[in-house]
Amino acid sequence: MSTCTKPVQKQPSTKLSLTGVGLCALCCALPLIATALGLGSLSTVAFYLEKAGLGLILLGAFLSIIFYVSSRKRNLDAAQCATAKR
């Protein structure tokens, strides 16, 4: 007689139930994973947008000073021309 035994095979219902549990766990974990990755990418984008916003604020302040000085100079030149014509 042969001493070899047949390997024990799992029932199809057992395979399907394990597959179902695995898919359920994956389905429940996907929103958590997506939220974690989404928040990570959102914070990365916000980091760079904050730097760009700060640069734009500084650029705006610099241009405002330049326009103020040039308009002030233009007004002083106009006042000197007006007094020279009198």
C-alpha atoms as a PDB file:
ATOM      1  CA  MET A   1       0.000   0.000   0.000  1.00  0.00           C
ATOM      2  CA  SER A   2       1.005   3.520  -0.626  1.00  0.00           C
ATOM      3  CA  THR A   3       1.784   5.816   2.286  1.00  0.00           C
ATOM      4  CA  CYS A   4       1.111   8.948   0.267  1.00  0.00           C
ATOM      5  CA  THR A   5      -1.948  10.861   1.287  1.00  0.00           C
ATOM      6  CA  LYS A   6      -3.864  13.320  -0.792  1.00  0.00           C
ATOM      7  CA  PRO A   7      -3.254  16.961   0.106  1.00  0.00           C
ATOM      8  CA  VAL A   8      -6.141  18.488   1.967  1.00  0.00           C
ATOM      9  CA  GLN A   9      -7.936  20.945  -0.254  1.00  0.00           C
ATOM     10  CA  LYS A  10      -9.921  23.834   1.100  1.00  0.00           C
ATOM     11  CA  GLN A  11     -13.560  23.964   0.300  1.00  0.00           C
ATOM     12  CA  PRO A  12     -14.585  26.556  -2.305  1.00  0.00           C
ATOM     13  CA  SER A  13     -16.727  28.265   0.294  1.00  0.00           C
ATOM     14  CA  THR A  14     -13.684  28.722   2.538  1.00  0.00           C
ATOM     15  CA  LYS A  15     -11.680  30.220  -0.329  1.00  0.00           C
ATOM     16  CA  LEU A  16     -14.524  32.547  -1.225  1.00  0.00           C
ATOM     17  CA  SER A  17     -15.048  33.652   2.361  1.00  0.00           C
ATOM     18  CA  LEU A  18     -11.354  34.459   2.792  1.00  0.00           C
ATOM     19  CA  THR A  19     -11.417  36.332  -0.508  1.00  0.00           C
ATOM     20  CA  GLY A  20     -14.518  38.224   0.608  1.00  0.00           C
ATOM     21  CA  VAL A  21     -12.945  39.206   3.917  1.00  0.00           C
ATOM     22  CA  GLY A  22      -9.772  40.344   2.124  1.00  0.00           C
ATOM     23  CA  LEU A  23     -11.749  42.427  -0.368  1.00  0.00           C
ATOM     24  CA  CYS A  24     -13.841  43.921   2.430  1.00  0.00           C
ATOM     25  CA  ALA A  25     -10.705  44.911   4.340  1.00  0.00           C
ATOM     26  CA  LEU A  26      -9.243  46.461   1.188  1.00  0.00           C
ATOM     27  CA  CYS A  27     -12.470  48.328   0.463  1.00  0.00           C
ATOM     28  CA  CYS A  28     -12.616  49.694   4.010  1.00  0.00           C
ATOM     29  CA  ALA A  29      -8.938  50.647   3.982  1.00  0.00           C
ATOM     30  CA  LEU A  30      -9.006  52.486   0.650  1.00  0.00           C
ATOM     31  CA  PRO A  31     -10.761  55.626   1.961  1.00  0.00           C
ATOM     32  CA  LEU A  32      -8.280  55.814   4.826  1.00  0.00           C
ATOM     33  CA  ILE A  33      -5.334  55.383   2.476  1.00  0.00           C
ATOM     34  CA  ALA A  34      -6.760  57.917   0.023  1.00  0.00           C
ATOM     35  CA  THR A  35      -7.328  60.416   2.827  1.00  0.00           C
ATOM     36  CA  ALA A  36      -3.795  59.991   4.105  1.00  0.00           C
ATOM     37  CA  LEU A  37      -2.301  60.388   0.646  1.00  0.00           C
ATOM     38  CA  GLY A  38      -4.644  63.242  -0.198  1.00  0.00           C
ATOM     39  CA  LEU A  39      -3.785  65.157   2.947  1.00  0.00           C
ATOM     40  CA  GLY A  40      -0.106  64.552   2.340  1.00  0.00           C
ATOM     41  CA  SER A  41      -0.274  65.866  -1.196  1.00  0.00           C
ATOM     42  CA  LEU A  42      -2.503  68.737  -0.115  1.00  0.00           C
ATOM     43  CA  SER A  43      -0.033  69.802   2.541  1.00  0.00           C
ATOM     44  CA  THR A  44       2.794  69.598  -0.007  1.00  0.00           C
ATOM     45  CA  VAL A  45       0.887  71.816  -2.427  1.00  0.00           C
ATOM     46  CA  ALA A  46      -0.010  74.228   0.377  1.00  0.00           C
ATOM     47  CA  PHE A  47       3.664  74.428   1.386  1.00  0.00           C
ATOM     48  CA  TYR A  48       4.673  75.602  -2.091  1.00  0.00           C
ATOM     49  CA  LEU A  49       1.654  77.878  -2.492  1.00  0.00           C
ATOM     50  CA  GLU A  50       2.498  79.526   0.817  1.00  0.00           C
ATOM     51  CA  LYS A  51       5.995  80.323  -0.457  1.00  0.00           C
ATOM     52  CA  ALA A  52       4.576  81.627  -3.732  1.00  0.00           C
ATOM     53  CA  GLY A  53       2.011  83.736  -1.860  1.00  0.00           C
ATOM     54  CA  LEU A  54       4.697  85.215   0.347  1.00  0.00           C
ATOM     55  CA  GLY A  55       6.736  86.064  -2.742  1.00  0.00           C
ATOM     56  CA  LEU A  56       3.732  87.741  -4.358  1.00  0.00           C
ATOM     57  CA  ILE A  57       3.041  89.780  -1.224  1.00  0.00           C
ATOM     58  CA  LEU A  58       6.644  90.962  -1.124  1.00  0.00           C
ATOM     59  CA  LEU A  59       6.565  91.734  -4.851  1.00  0.00           C
ATOM     60  CA  GLY A  60       3.344  93.705  -4.376  1.00  0.00           C
ATOM     61  CA  ALA A  61       4.830  95.700  -1.506  1.00  0.00           C
ATOM     62  CA  PHE A  62       7.986  96.411  -3.513  1.00  0.00           C
ATOM     63  CA  LEU A  63       5.996  97.547  -6.568  1.00  0.00           C
ATOM     64  CA  SER A  64       3.756  99.718  -4.373  1.00  0.00           C
ATOM     65  CA  ILE A  65       6.818 101.468  -2.948  1.00  0.00           C
ATOM     66  CA  ILE A  66       8.249 101.993  -6.434  1.00  0.00           C
ATOM     67  CA  PHE A  67       4.964 103.426  -7.759  1.00  0.00           C
ATOM     68  CA  TYR A  68       4.597 105.656  -4.703  1.00  0.00           C
ATOM     69  CA  VAL A  69       8.116 107.019  -5.080  1.00  0.00           C
ATOM     70  CA  SER A  70       7.722 107.580  -8.833  1.00  0.00           C
ATOM     71  CA  SER A  71       4.366 109.346  -8.415  1.00  0.00           C
ATOM     72  CA  ARG A  72       5.788 111.452  -5.605  1.00  0.00           C
ATOM     73  CA  LYS A  73       8.754 112.402  -7.811  1.00  0.00           C
ATOM     74  CA  ARG A  74       6.382 113.156 -10.688  1.00  0.00           C
ATOM     75  CA  ASN A  75       4.292 115.416  -8.423  1.00  0.00           C
ATOM     76  CA  LEU A  76       7.408 117.215  -7.161  1.00  0.00           C
ATOM     77  CA  ASP A  77       8.654 117.727 -10.727  1.00  0.00           C
ATOM     78  CA  ALA A  78       5.240 119.075 -11.727  1.00  0.00           C
ATOM     79  CA  ALA A  79       5.241 121.455  -8.742  1.00  0.00           C
ATOM     80  CA  GLN A  80       8.739 122.712  -9.612  1.00  0.00           C
ATOM     81  CA  CYS A  81       7.698 123.266 -13.244  1.00  0.00           C
ATOM     82  CA  ALA A  82       4.612 125.156 -12.082  1.00  0.00           C
ATOM     83  CA  THR A  83       6.639 127.442  -9.812  1.00  0.00           C
ATOM     84  CA  ALA A  84       9.269 127.994 -12.525  1.00  0.00           C
ATOM     85  CA  LYS A  85       6.622 129.171 -14.989  1.00  0.00           C
ATOM     86  CA  ARG A  86       5.289 131.827 -12.631  1.00  0.00           C
END
